[in-house]
Amino acid sequence: MKLTLDQIKASMSGCWNAEEENGAIRFHRMPPPLSSFYRQQPASRVRLECTTCVRLRFISNTATLRLGLQFGQAARPFYQGGLLIDGREHAIFGPGRAAPAWEGRILDRQDCKESQFDLWMPHLVRTDLVVLEIDDQATFQPAPPLRRRWLACGDSITQGMTVPLPTQAVAARCALNLNLDVLNYGIGGAIMSKALSEAEINYPYDVLTVAYGANDLARNPLDQYAANLLGFLTRQVAAHPKAAFILITPIPLVGNEGPNDKGISLGDYRRAVQAVSQELGFCRVVEGPVLVPNDARFFVDNVHPNIAGMATYADHLAAYLEPEKKC
């Protein structure tokens, strides 16, 4: 039995909407006008269309699962996703290298016991769902809503660059460990922009994390960065007064923290985050160097964490995402 668009939408998490397009289901992480802003430049458009943290959560007694995917442009050449069953990793699916499409059976078991499935789409490439098929006589229902909702705003590190699997990235690790519904607004190359500061975000989150600065050092003046961050948070607390707000200062750029051509270093951006937090009085600040050590062994390229770096980041961040840590 092929799952319908309505069934897919009822079970999806981590995206704003989904629609049928050219015989496949396309997922949209962000609503307009924010998505329209990121579509203006080719590089950010590619990153916007990645199915970062998009997953399908459902309960079924099916013995088999057949999955068909088609791919668009990739931010990084990683085309595999992951399937968890009852919270345990079951399978990695998808092609090991760039391909226009992929199809395969990702579950083939003898028993037909009712289980909860958590299917994470590839996170650094646009991935459209061609087919998700369960046994004809199998039951199907969306999984119960997760206990808390987390909106993660940031740049490439929030998006999960650069690890091969979605479940290896910070957002997925924390979401799985803490039972969170995560909506990932991470965009590789993004800065703390005026467009973001003015965006209306209707997702009813319980906790918001904001993590920008590495790209701002090169492209966004310090005063503008601080003004945009202040405006964004002022707008968000008015719309979400019961939420927890966590500001993450930039993690280390190993061997390259400035100063830039204006004499400004990444440390200045960290101090700007602290100043904004003190002015507002309702945010908790987490220092990026506390999350990931300033050590090349934790990075792919001295900028983006590797698998070990992502695991360390997630282990430290998880403590701040717990409800009792609310600021």
C-alpha atoms as a PDB file:
ATOM      1  CA  MET A   1       0.000   0.000   0.000  1.00  0.00           C
ATOM      2  CA  LYS A   2       1.487   3.293  -1.104  1.00  0.00           C
ATOM      3  CA  LEU A   3       1.064   6.019   1.495  1.00  0.00           C
ATOM      4  CA  THR A   4      -0.887   9.031   0.283  1.00  0.00           C
ATOM      5  CA  LEU A   5       0.084  12.682   0.461  1.00  0.00           C
ATOM      6  CA  ASP A   6      -2.343  13.151   3.349  1.00  0.00           C
ATOM      7  CA  GLN A   7      -0.768  10.260   5.260  1.00  0.00           C
ATOM      8  CA  ILE A   8       2.710  11.611   4.615  1.00  0.00           C
ATOM      9  CA  LYS A   9       1.726  15.104   5.763  1.00  0.00           C
ATOM     10  CA  ALA A  10       0.113  13.706   8.902  1.00  0.00           C
ATOM     11  CA  SER A  11       3.318  11.899   9.835  1.00  0.00           C
ATOM     12  CA  MET A  12       5.932  14.458   8.762  1.00  0.00           C
ATOM     13  CA  SER A  13       8.059  16.468  11.151  1.00  0.00           C
ATOM     14  CA  GLY A  14      10.675  19.145  10.580  1.00  0.00           C
ATOM     15  CA  CYS A  15       9.017  20.971   7.711  1.00  0.00           C
ATOM     16  CA  TRP A  16       6.431  23.626   7.098  1.00  0.00           C
ATOM     17  CA  ASN A  17       4.569  21.946   4.256  1.00  0.00           C
ATOM     18  CA  ALA A  18       4.668  19.269   1.580  1.00  0.00           C
ATOM     19  CA  GLU A  19       3.095  19.107  -1.850  1.00  0.00           C
ATOM     20  CA  GLU A  20       2.940  16.830  -4.858  1.00  0.00           C
ATOM     21  CA  GLU A  21       5.126  17.972  -7.718  1.00  0.00           C
ATOM     22  CA  ASN A  22       5.991  16.026 -10.875  1.00  0.00           C
ATOM     23  CA  GLY A  23       4.928  12.693  -9.440  1.00  0.00           C
ATOM     24  CA  ALA A  24       6.744  13.058  -6.116  1.00  0.00           C
ATOM     25  CA  ILE A  25       6.206  14.695  -2.742  1.00  0.00           C
ATOM     26  CA  ARG A  26       8.354  17.760  -2.172  1.00  0.00           C
ATOM     27  CA  PHE A  27       9.071  18.998   1.343  1.00  0.00           C
ATOM     28  CA  HIS A  28       9.388  22.673   2.309  1.00  0.00           C
ATOM     29  CA  ARG A  29      11.302  23.482   5.486  1.00  0.00           C
ATOM     30  CA  MET A  30      10.424  27.172   5.665  1.00  0.00           C
ATOM     31  CA  PRO A  31       7.362  29.257   4.860  1.00  0.00           C
ATOM     32  CA  PRO A  32       7.416  32.353   2.667  1.00  0.00           C
ATOM     33  CA  PRO A  33       8.624  35.080   2.813  1.00  0.00           C
ATOM     34  CA  LEU A  34      11.705  33.647   4.543  1.00  0.00           C
ATOM     35  CA  SER A  35      12.042  30.920   1.924  1.00  0.00           C
ATOM     36  CA  SER A  36      11.705  33.577  -0.786  1.00  0.00           C
ATOM     37  CA  PHE A  37      14.623  35.460   0.757  1.00  0.00           C
ATOM     38  CA  TYR A  38      16.896  32.422   0.720  1.00  0.00           C
ATOM     39  CA  ARG A  39      15.916  31.610  -2.861  1.00  0.00           C
ATOM     40  CA  GLN A  40      17.427  34.868  -4.107  1.00  0.00           C
ATOM     41  CA  GLN A  41      20.966  33.472  -4.271  1.00  0.00           C
ATOM     42  CA  PRO A  42      21.837  30.130  -5.928  1.00  0.00           C
ATOM     43  CA  ALA A  43      23.939  28.845  -3.031  1.00  0.00           C
ATOM     44  CA  SER A  44      21.376  29.582  -0.323  1.00  0.00           C
ATOM     45  CA  ARG A  45      18.590  28.217  -2.532  1.00  0.00           C
ATOM     46  CA  VAL A  46      20.360  24.860  -2.728  1.00  0.00           C
ATOM     47  CA  ARG A  47      20.729  24.782   1.047  1.00  0.00           C
ATOM     48  CA  LEU A  48      17.129  25.868   1.604  1.00  0.00           C
ATOM     49  CA  GLU A  49      15.810  22.988  -0.493  1.00  0.00           C
ATOM     50  CA  CYS A  50      17.777  20.359   1.428  1.00  0.00           C
ATOM     51  CA  THR A  51      15.519  18.135   3.534  1.00  0.00           C
ATOM     52  CA  THR A  52      17.443  18.925   6.713  1.00  0.00           C
ATOM     53  CA  CYS A  53      15.758  17.331   9.767  1.00  0.00           C
ATOM     54  CA  VAL A  54      12.726  16.322   7.696  1.00  0.00           C
ATOM     55  CA  ARG A  55      11.442  12.992   8.942  1.00  0.00           C
ATOM     56  CA  LEU A  56       8.384  10.768   8.870  1.00  0.00           C
ATOM     57  CA  ARG A  57       7.114   9.370  12.178  1.00  0.00           C
ATOM     58  CA  PHE A  58       4.435   6.700  12.126  1.00  0.00           C
ATOM     59  CA  ILE A  59       3.236   3.517  13.782  1.00  0.00           C
ATOM     60  CA  SER A  60       2.626   0.372  11.751  1.00  0.00           C
ATOM     61  CA  ASN A  61       2.748  -3.414  11.938  1.00  0.00           C
ATOM     62  CA  THR A  62       4.125  -3.728   8.414  1.00  0.00           C
ATOM     63  CA  ALA A  63       6.771  -6.372   7.764  1.00  0.00           C
ATOM     64  CA  THR A  64       8.237  -4.503   4.798  1.00  0.00           C
ATOM     65  CA  LEU A  65       8.944  -0.937   3.758  1.00  0.00           C
ATOM     66  CA  ARG A  66       9.743   0.103   0.212  1.00  0.00           C
ATOM     67  CA  LEU A  67      11.111   3.580  -0.367  1.00  0.00           C
ATOM     68  CA  GLY A  68      11.679   5.554  -3.550  1.00  0.00           C
ATOM     69  CA  LEU A  69      13.481   8.908  -3.668  1.00  0.00           C
ATOM     70  CA  GLN A  70      14.543  11.413  -6.274  1.00  0.00           C
ATOM     71  CA  PHE A  71      17.232  14.012  -5.721  1.00  0.00           C
ATOM     72  CA  GLY A  72      17.829  17.617  -6.657  1.00  0.00           C
ATOM     73  CA  GLN A  73      20.886  19.734  -6.021  1.00  0.00           C
ATOM     74  CA  ALA A  74      23.135  18.908  -3.097  1.00  0.00           C
ATOM     75  CA  ALA A  75      24.885  21.197  -0.631  1.00  0.00           C
ATOM     76  CA  ARG A  76      27.236  18.295   0.119  1.00  0.00           C
ATOM     77  CA  PRO A  77      27.476  14.921  -1.694  1.00  0.00           C
ATOM     78  CA  PHE A  78      25.637  12.917   0.958  1.00  0.00           C
ATOM     79  CA  TYR A  79      22.564  11.069  -0.300  1.00  0.00           C
ATOM     80  CA  GLN A  80      21.756   8.701   2.541  1.00  0.00           C
ATOM     81  CA  GLY A  81      19.150   8.813   5.289  1.00  0.00           C
ATOM     82  CA  GLY A  82      18.378   6.687   8.299  1.00  0.00           C
ATOM     83  CA  LEU A  83      15.541   4.550   9.641  1.00  0.00           C
ATOM     84  CA  LEU A  84      14.962   4.022  13.349  1.00  0.00           C
ATOM     85  CA  ILE A  85      12.480   1.492  14.702  1.00  0.00           C
ATOM     86  CA  ASP A  86      11.276   1.908  18.278  1.00  0.00           C
ATOM     87  CA  GLY A  87      14.130   4.332  18.887  1.00  0.00           C
ATOM     88  CA  ARG A  88      16.881   2.026  17.644  1.00  0.00           C
ATOM     89  CA  GLU A  89      18.854   2.483  14.448  1.00  0.00           C
ATOM     90  CA  HIS A  90      17.704  -0.083  11.922  1.00  0.00           C
ATOM     91  CA  ALA A  91      18.963   0.851   8.470  1.00  0.00           C
ATOM     92  CA  ILE A  92      20.845   3.366   6.377  1.00  0.00           C
ATOM     93  CA  PHE A  93      19.239   3.889   2.995  1.00  0.00           C
ATOM     94  CA  GLY A  94      20.010   5.715  -0.218  1.00  0.00           C
ATOM     95  CA  PRO A  95      22.908   5.727  -2.668  1.00  0.00           C
ATOM     96  CA  GLY A  96      26.481   5.990  -1.472  1.00  0.00           C
ATOM     97  CA  ARG A  97      27.261   8.544  -4.171  1.00  0.00           C
ATOM     98  CA  ALA A  98      25.484  11.142  -6.291  1.00  0.00           C
ATOM     99  CA  ALA A  99      22.504   9.750  -8.187  1.00  0.00           C
ATOM    100  CA  PRO A 100      19.302  11.174  -9.697  1.00  0.00           C
ATOM    101  CA  ALA A 101      17.107   8.674  -7.845  1.00  0.00           C
ATOM    102  CA  TRP A 102      17.115   5.645  -5.586  1.00  0.00           C
ATOM    103  CA  GLU A 103      14.649   2.902  -4.703  1.00  0.00           C
ATOM    104  CA  GLY A 104      14.886  -0.041  -2.367  1.00  0.00           C
ATOM    105  CA  ARG A 105      13.411  -2.109   0.424  1.00  0.00           C
ATOM    106  CA  ILE A 106      14.547  -0.749   3.772  1.00  0.00           C
ATOM    107  CA  LEU A 107      12.632  -3.183   5.978  1.00  0.00           C
ATOM    108  CA  ASP A 108      12.056  -6.911   5.577  1.00  0.00           C
ATOM    109  CA  ARG A 109      11.213  -8.658   8.825  1.00  0.00           C
ATOM    110  CA  GLN A 110       9.464 -11.876   9.765  1.00  0.00           C
ATOM    111  CA  ASP A 111       7.189 -10.566  12.496  1.00  0.00           C
ATOM    112  CA  CYS A 112       4.406  -8.036  12.104  1.00  0.00           C
ATOM    113  CA  LYS A 113       4.465  -6.445  15.526  1.00  0.00           C
ATOM    114  CA  GLU A 114       3.352  -2.852  15.855  1.00  0.00           C
ATOM    115  CA  SER A 115       6.381  -0.556  15.866  1.00  0.00           C
ATOM    116  CA  GLN A 116       7.167   3.131  15.713  1.00  0.00           C
ATOM    117  CA  PHE A 117       9.112   4.181  12.632  1.00  0.00           C
ATOM    118  CA  ASP A 118      11.280   7.286  12.450  1.00  0.00           C
ATOM    119  CA  LEU A 119      12.517   7.853   8.902  1.00  0.00           C
ATOM    120  CA  TRP A 120      15.071  10.658   8.480  1.00  0.00           C
ATOM    121  CA  MET A 121      15.501  12.012   4.972  1.00  0.00           C
ATOM    122  CA  PRO A 122      18.989  12.768   3.604  1.00  0.00           C
ATOM    123  CA  HIS A 123      19.877  16.142   5.096  1.00  0.00           C
ATOM    124  CA  LEU A 124      22.232  17.915   2.686  1.00  0.00           C
ATOM    125  CA  VAL A 125      20.480  17.334  -0.625  1.00  0.00           C
ATOM    126  CA  ARG A 126      16.995  18.080  -1.893  1.00  0.00           C
ATOM    127  CA  THR A 127      15.131  14.801  -1.513  1.00  0.00           C
ATOM    128  CA  ASP A 128      11.652  14.252  -2.928  1.00  0.00           C
ATOM    129  CA  LEU A 129       9.598  11.234  -1.916  1.00  0.00           C
ATOM    130  CA  VAL A 130       8.440   9.156  -4.878  1.00  0.00           C
ATOM    131  CA  VAL A 131       6.979   6.275  -2.902  1.00  0.00           C
ATOM    132  CA  LEU A 132       6.737   4.963   0.642  1.00  0.00           C
ATOM    133  CA  GLU A 133       4.978   1.624   0.620  1.00  0.00           C
ATOM    134  CA  ILE A 134       3.886  -0.655   3.460  1.00  0.00           C
ATOM    135  CA  ASP A 135       2.193  -4.065   3.309  1.00  0.00           C
ATOM    136  CA  ASP A 136      -1.332  -3.992   1.883  1.00  0.00           C
ATOM    137  CA  GLN A 137      -2.978  -5.249   5.079  1.00  0.00           C
ATOM    138  CA  ALA A 138      -0.727  -3.335   7.460  1.00  0.00           C
ATOM    139  CA  THR A 139      -1.966  -0.757   9.928  1.00  0.00           C
ATOM    140  CA  PHE A 140      -0.822   2.852   9.735  1.00  0.00           C
ATOM    141  CA  GLN A 141      -1.205   5.860  11.987  1.00  0.00           C
ATOM    142  CA  PRO A 142       0.910   8.964  12.627  1.00  0.00           C
ATOM    143  CA  ALA A 143       3.086   8.754  15.723  1.00  0.00           C
ATOM    144  CA  PRO A 144       1.958  10.822  18.731  1.00  0.00           C
ATOM    145  CA  PRO A 145       3.259  14.397  18.803  1.00  0.00           C
ATOM    146  CA  LEU A 146       6.623  14.873  20.444  1.00  0.00           C
ATOM    147  CA  ARG A 147       6.653  16.481  23.875  1.00  0.00           C
ATOM    148  CA  ARG A 148       8.488  19.728  23.039  1.00  0.00           C
ATOM    149  CA  ARG A 149       9.111  21.779  19.901  1.00  0.00           C
ATOM    150  CA  TRP A 150      12.502  23.205  19.050  1.00  0.00           C
ATOM    151  CA  LEU A 151      13.289  25.789  16.374  1.00  0.00           C
ATOM    152  CA  ALA A 152      16.991  25.783  15.485  1.00  0.00           C
ATOM    153  CA  CYS A 153      18.177  28.890  13.620  1.00  0.00           C
ATOM    154  CA  GLY A 154      21.719  29.093  12.349  1.00  0.00           C
ATOM    155  CA  ASP A 155      24.202  28.562   9.565  1.00  0.00           C
ATOM    156  CA  SER A 156      25.903  25.510   8.063  1.00  0.00           C
ATOM    157  CA  ILE A 157      26.797  24.029  11.439  1.00  0.00           C
ATOM    158  CA  THR A 158      23.152  24.061  12.520  1.00  0.00           C
ATOM    159  CA  GLN A 159      22.255  22.544   9.150  1.00  0.00           C
ATOM    160  CA  GLY A 160      24.599  19.625   9.791  1.00  0.00           C
ATOM    161  CA  MET A 161      27.629  20.320   7.652  1.00  0.00           C
ATOM    162  CA  THR A 162      29.622  18.297   7.362  1.00  0.00           C
ATOM    163  CA  VAL A 163      28.573  14.800   8.438  1.00  0.00           C
ATOM    164  CA  PRO A 164      27.293  12.087   6.083  1.00  0.00           C
ATOM    165  CA  LEU A 165      24.086  11.070   7.868  1.00  0.00           C
ATOM    166  CA  PRO A 166      21.249  13.217   9.234  1.00  0.00           C
ATOM    167  CA  THR A 167      21.279  11.428  12.583  1.00  0.00           C
ATOM    168  CA  GLN A 168      24.958  12.329  13.068  1.00  0.00           C
ATOM    169  CA  ALA A 169      24.257  16.076  13.097  1.00  0.00           C
ATOM    170  CA  VAL A 170      23.704  18.166  16.230  1.00  0.00           C
ATOM    171  CA  ALA A 171      19.999  18.860  15.746  1.00  0.00           C
ATOM    172  CA  ALA A 172      19.049  15.240  15.120  1.00  0.00           C
ATOM    173  CA  ARG A 173      21.193  13.939  17.973  1.00  0.00           C
ATOM    174  CA  CYS A 174      19.565  16.320  20.450  1.00  0.00           C
ATOM    175  CA  ALA A 175      16.082  15.725  19.074  1.00  0.00           C
ATOM    176  CA  LEU A 176      16.417  11.966  19.411  1.00  0.00           C
ATOM    177  CA  ASN A 177      18.032  12.069  22.846  1.00  0.00           C
ATOM    178  CA  LEU A 178      15.508  14.543  24.276  1.00  0.00           C
ATOM    179  CA  ASN A 179      12.384  13.512  22.366  1.00  0.00           C
ATOM    180  CA  LEU A 180      12.082  16.889  20.609  1.00  0.00           C
ATOM    181  CA  ASP A 181      10.245  17.915  17.474  1.00  0.00           C
ATOM    182  CA  VAL A 182      12.926  19.939  15.688  1.00  0.00           C
ATOM    183  CA  LEU A 183      12.405  22.399  12.854  1.00  0.00           C
ATOM    184  CA  ASN A 184      15.823  23.228  11.429  1.00  0.00           C
ATOM    185  CA  TYR A 185      16.221  26.687   9.898  1.00  0.00           C
ATOM    186  CA  GLY A 186      19.946  26.210   9.401  1.00  0.00           C
ATOM    187  CA  ILE A 187      21.217  27.520   6.056  1.00  0.00           C
ATOM    188  CA  GLY A 188      24.828  27.074   5.031  1.00  0.00           C
ATOM    189  CA  GLY A 189      26.465  30.476   4.583  1.00  0.00           C
ATOM    190  CA  ALA A 190      23.692  32.336   6.424  1.00  0.00           C
ATOM    191  CA  ILE A 191      24.234  35.438   8.545  1.00  0.00           C
ATOM    192  CA  MET A 192      22.092  37.128  11.185  1.00  0.00           C
ATOM    193  CA  SER A 193      20.216  39.017   8.489  1.00  0.00           C
ATOM    194  CA  LYS A 194      17.609  41.752   8.589  1.00  0.00           C
ATOM    195  CA  ALA A 195      15.271  39.439   6.666  1.00  0.00           C
ATOM    196  CA  LEU A 196      15.435  36.912   9.484  1.00  0.00           C
ATOM    197  CA  SER A 197      15.046  39.594  12.138  1.00  0.00           C
ATOM    198  CA  GLU A 198      11.783  40.700  10.512  1.00  0.00           C
ATOM    199  CA  ALA A 199      10.435  37.234   9.730  1.00  0.00           C
ATOM    200  CA  GLU A 200       7.130  36.026  11.092  1.00  0.00           C
ATOM    201  CA  ILE A 201       7.592  32.541  12.506  1.00  0.00           C
ATOM    202  CA  ASN A 202       4.299  30.836  13.232  1.00  0.00           C
ATOM    203  CA  TYR A 203       5.792  27.519  14.338  1.00  0.00           C
ATOM    204  CA  PRO A 204       4.710  27.227  18.000  1.00  0.00           C
ATOM    205  CA  TYR A 205       8.110  26.372  19.439  1.00  0.00           C
ATOM    206  CA  ASP A 206       8.916  25.809  23.099  1.00  0.00           C
ATOM    207  CA  VAL A 207      12.611  26.536  22.722  1.00  0.00           C
ATOM    208  CA  LEU A 208      14.535  28.620  20.193  1.00  0.00           C
ATOM    209  CA  THR A 209      18.263  28.385  19.580  1.00  0.00           C
ATOM    210  CA  VAL A 210      20.088  31.059  17.582  1.00  0.00           C
ATOM    211  CA  ALA A 211      23.606  30.345  16.315  1.00  0.00           C
ATOM    212  CA  TYR A 212      25.168  32.784  13.848  1.00  0.00           C
ATOM    213  CA  GLY A 213      28.475  34.591  13.629  1.00  0.00           C
ATOM    214  CA  ALA A 214      31.072  32.661  11.621  1.00  0.00           C
ATOM    215  CA  ASN A 215      29.843  34.029   8.287  1.00  0.00           C
ATOM    216  CA  ASP A 216      29.013  37.398   9.845  1.00  0.00           C
ATOM    217  CA  LEU A 217      32.681  37.928  10.668  1.00  0.00           C
ATOM    218  CA  ALA A 218      33.384  38.222   6.938  1.00  0.00           C
ATOM    219  CA  ARG A 219      30.111  39.648   5.632  1.00  0.00           C
ATOM    220  CA  ASN A 220      28.029  41.327   8.324  1.00  0.00           C
ATOM    221  CA  PRO A 221      29.348  44.353  10.288  1.00  0.00           C
ATOM    222  CA  LEU A 222      29.347  43.852  14.035  1.00  0.00           C
ATOM    223  CA  ASP A 223      26.859  46.646  14.775  1.00  0.00           C
ATOM    224  CA  GLN A 224      24.429  45.347  12.148  1.00  0.00           C
ATOM    225  CA  TYR A 225      24.789  41.806  13.479  1.00  0.00           C
ATOM    226  CA  ALA A 226      23.924  42.967  16.988  1.00  0.00           C
ATOM    227  CA  ALA A 227      21.007  45.124  15.805  1.00  0.00           C
ATOM    228  CA  ASN A 228      19.528  42.289  13.761  1.00  0.00           C
ATOM    229  CA  LEU A 229      19.905  39.831  16.628  1.00  0.00           C
ATOM    230  CA  LEU A 230      18.228  42.260  19.021  1.00  0.00           C
ATOM    231  CA  GLY A 231      15.380  42.877  16.584  1.00  0.00           C
ATOM    232  CA  PHE A 232      14.886  39.183  15.935  1.00  0.00           C
ATOM    233  CA  LEU A 233      14.694  38.272  19.608  1.00  0.00           C
ATOM    234  CA  THR A 234      12.446  41.211  20.480  1.00  0.00           C
ATOM    235  CA  ARG A 235      10.033  40.106  17.782  1.00  0.00           C
ATOM    236  CA  GLN A 236      10.190  36.464  18.809  1.00  0.00           C
ATOM    237  CA  VAL A 237       9.580  36.959  22.518  1.00  0.00           C
ATOM    238  CA  ALA A 238       6.519  39.059  21.685  1.00  0.00           C
ATOM    239  CA  ALA A 239       5.150  36.246  19.530  1.00  0.00           C
ATOM    240  CA  HIS A 240       6.277  33.367  21.786  1.00  0.00           C
ATOM    241  CA  PRO A 241       6.302  34.731  25.352  1.00  0.00           C
ATOM    242  CA  LYS A 242       6.420  31.309  27.022  1.00  0.00           C
ATOM    243  CA  ALA A 243       9.356  29.957  25.016  1.00  0.00           C
ATOM    244  CA  ALA A 244      12.932  29.510  26.183  1.00  0.00           C
ATOM    245  CA  PHE A 245      15.561  31.443  24.218  1.00  0.00           C
ATOM    246  CA  ILE A 246      19.113  30.135  23.912  1.00  0.00           C
ATOM    247  CA  LEU A 247      21.824  32.114  22.147  1.00  0.00           C
ATOM    248  CA  ILE A 248      24.841  30.144  20.967  1.00  0.00           C
ATOM    249  CA  THR A 249      27.971  32.170  20.330  1.00  0.00           C
ATOM    250  CA  PRO A 250      30.147  31.095  17.377  1.00  0.00           C
ATOM    251  CA  ILE A 251      32.048  27.859  17.819  1.00  0.00           C
ATOM    252  CA  PRO A 252      35.799  28.060  17.139  1.00  0.00           C
ATOM    253  CA  LEU A 253      37.242  28.652  13.696  1.00  0.00           C
ATOM    254  CA  VAL A 254      40.441  26.727  14.293  1.00  0.00           C
ATOM    255  CA  GLY A 255      43.371  29.015  13.525  1.00  0.00           C
ATOM    256  CA  ASN A 256      41.226  31.656  11.813  1.00  0.00           C
ATOM    257  CA  GLU A 257      39.213  33.733  14.299  1.00  0.00           C
ATOM    258  CA  GLY A 258      40.390  37.070  12.987  1.00  0.00           C
ATOM    259  CA  PRO A 259      40.840  39.910  13.191  1.00  0.00           C
ATOM    260  CA  ASN A 260      39.237  40.676   9.844  1.00  0.00           C
ATOM    261  CA  ASP A 261      40.148  43.630   7.628  1.00  0.00           C
ATOM    262  CA  LYS A 262      38.330  45.950  10.051  1.00  0.00           C
ATOM    263  CA  GLY A 263      40.192  44.664  13.074  1.00  0.00           C
ATOM    264  CA  ILE A 264      37.203  42.673  14.368  1.00  0.00           C
ATOM    265  CA  SER A 265      37.577  39.105  15.633  1.00  0.00           C
ATOM    266  CA  LEU A 266      35.136  36.285  16.241  1.00  0.00           C
ATOM    267  CA  GLY A 267      35.503  37.032  19.940  1.00  0.00           C
ATOM    268  CA  ASP A 268      33.890  40.416  19.306  1.00  0.00           C
ATOM    269  CA  TYR A 269      30.840  38.666  17.873  1.00  0.00           C
ATOM    270  CA  ARG A 270      30.683  36.431  20.921  1.00  0.00           C
ATOM    271  CA  ARG A 271      30.752  39.488  23.164  1.00  0.00           C
ATOM    272  CA  ALA A 272      28.011  41.102  21.074  1.00  0.00           C
ATOM    273  CA  VAL A 273      25.766  38.108  21.753  1.00  0.00           C
ATOM    274  CA  GLN A 274      26.404  38.476  25.476  1.00  0.00           C
ATOM    275  CA  ALA A 275      25.597  42.197  25.296  1.00  0.00           C
ATOM    276  CA  VAL A 276      22.299  41.576  23.487  1.00  0.00           C
ATOM    277  CA  SER A 277      21.373  38.941  26.055  1.00  0.00           C
ATOM    278  CA  GLN A 278      22.111  41.319  28.924  1.00  0.00           C
ATOM    279  CA  GLU A 279      20.051  44.063  27.311  1.00  0.00           C
ATOM    280  CA  LEU A 280      17.032  41.805  26.867  1.00  0.00           C
ATOM    281  CA  GLY A 281      17.321  39.901  30.120  1.00  0.00           C
ATOM    282  CA  PHE A 282      15.442  36.766  29.071  1.00  0.00           C
ATOM    283  CA  CYS A 283      18.011  34.751  27.080  1.00  0.00           C
ATOM    284  CA  ARG A 284      20.517  32.162  28.120  1.00  0.00           C
ATOM    285  CA  VAL A 285      23.900  32.309  26.386  1.00  0.00           C
ATOM    286  CA  VAL A 286      25.938  29.211  25.586  1.00  0.00           C
ATOM    287  CA  GLU A 287      29.520  29.839  24.536  1.00  0.00           C
ATOM    288  CA  GLY A 288      30.415  28.014  21.327  1.00  0.00           C
ATOM    289  CA  PRO A 289      33.937  27.093  22.519  1.00  0.00           C
ATOM    290  CA  VAL A 290      32.310  25.255  25.427  1.00  0.00           C
ATOM    291  CA  LEU A 291      30.300  23.138  22.989  1.00  0.00           C
ATOM    292  CA  VAL A 292      33.185  22.214  20.679  1.00  0.00           C
ATOM    293  CA  PRO A 293      36.869  22.463  21.682  1.00  0.00           C
ATOM    294  CA  ASN A 294      39.226  24.632  19.657  1.00  0.00           C
ATOM    295  CA  ASP A 295      40.948  21.496  18.371  1.00  0.00           C
ATOM    296  CA  ALA A 296      41.304  20.418  14.741  1.00  0.00           C
ATOM    297  CA  ARG A 297      40.572  16.813  15.720  1.00  0.00           C
ATOM    298  CA  PHE A 298      36.898  17.778  16.101  1.00  0.00           C
ATOM    299  CA  PHE A 299      36.586  19.416  12.671  1.00  0.00           C
ATOM    300  CA  VAL A 300      36.442  18.381   9.035  1.00  0.00           C
ATOM    301  CA  ASP A 301      38.073  21.567   7.766  1.00  0.00           C
ATOM    302  CA  ASN A 302      38.728  23.666  10.901  1.00  0.00           C
ATOM    303  CA  VAL A 303      35.262  25.221  10.402  1.00  0.00           C
ATOM    304  CA  HIS A 304      32.664  22.441  10.300  1.00  0.00           C
ATOM    305  CA  PRO A 305      32.559  19.765  13.011  1.00  0.00           C
ATOM    306  CA  ASN A 306      33.187  16.155  12.046  1.00  0.00           C
ATOM    307  CA  ILE A 307      31.223  13.257  13.520  1.00  0.00           C
ATOM    308  CA  ALA A 308      33.124  13.462  16.813  1.00  0.00           C
ATOM    309  CA  GLY A 309      32.685  17.239  16.889  1.00  0.00           C
ATOM    310  CA  MET A 310      28.946  16.984  16.275  1.00  0.00           C
ATOM    311  CA  ALA A 311      28.622  14.383  19.029  1.00  0.00           C
ATOM    312  CA  THR A 312      30.505  16.592  21.489  1.00  0.00           C
ATOM    313  CA  TYR A 313      28.444  19.642  20.499  1.00  0.00           C
ATOM    314  CA  ALA A 314      25.191  17.721  20.950  1.00  0.00           C
ATOM    315  CA  ASP A 315      26.200  16.220  24.290  1.00  0.00           C
ATOM    316  CA  HIS A 316      26.895  19.675  25.719  1.00  0.00           C
ATOM    317  CA  LEU A 317      23.935  21.447  24.102  1.00  0.00           C
ATOM    318  CA  ALA A 318      21.436  18.841  25.295  1.00  0.00           C
ATOM    319  CA  ALA A 319      21.765  20.034  28.890  1.00  0.00           C
ATOM    320  CA  TYR A 320      20.604  23.528  27.896  1.00  0.00           C
ATOM    321  CA  LEU A 321      17.629  22.203  25.935  1.00  0.00           C
ATOM    322  CA  GLU A 322      16.127  20.418  28.911  1.00  0.00           C
ATOM    323  CA  PRO A 323      12.983  22.119  30.292  1.00  0.00           C
ATOM    324  CA  GLU A 324      14.539  22.838  33.688  1.00  0.00           C
ATOM    325  CA  LYS A 325      17.251  24.866  31.953  1.00  0.00           C
ATOM    326  CA  LYS A 326      14.718  27.385  30.639  1.00  0.00           C
ATOM    327  CA  CYS A 327      15.946  30.968  31.088  1.00  0.00           C
END
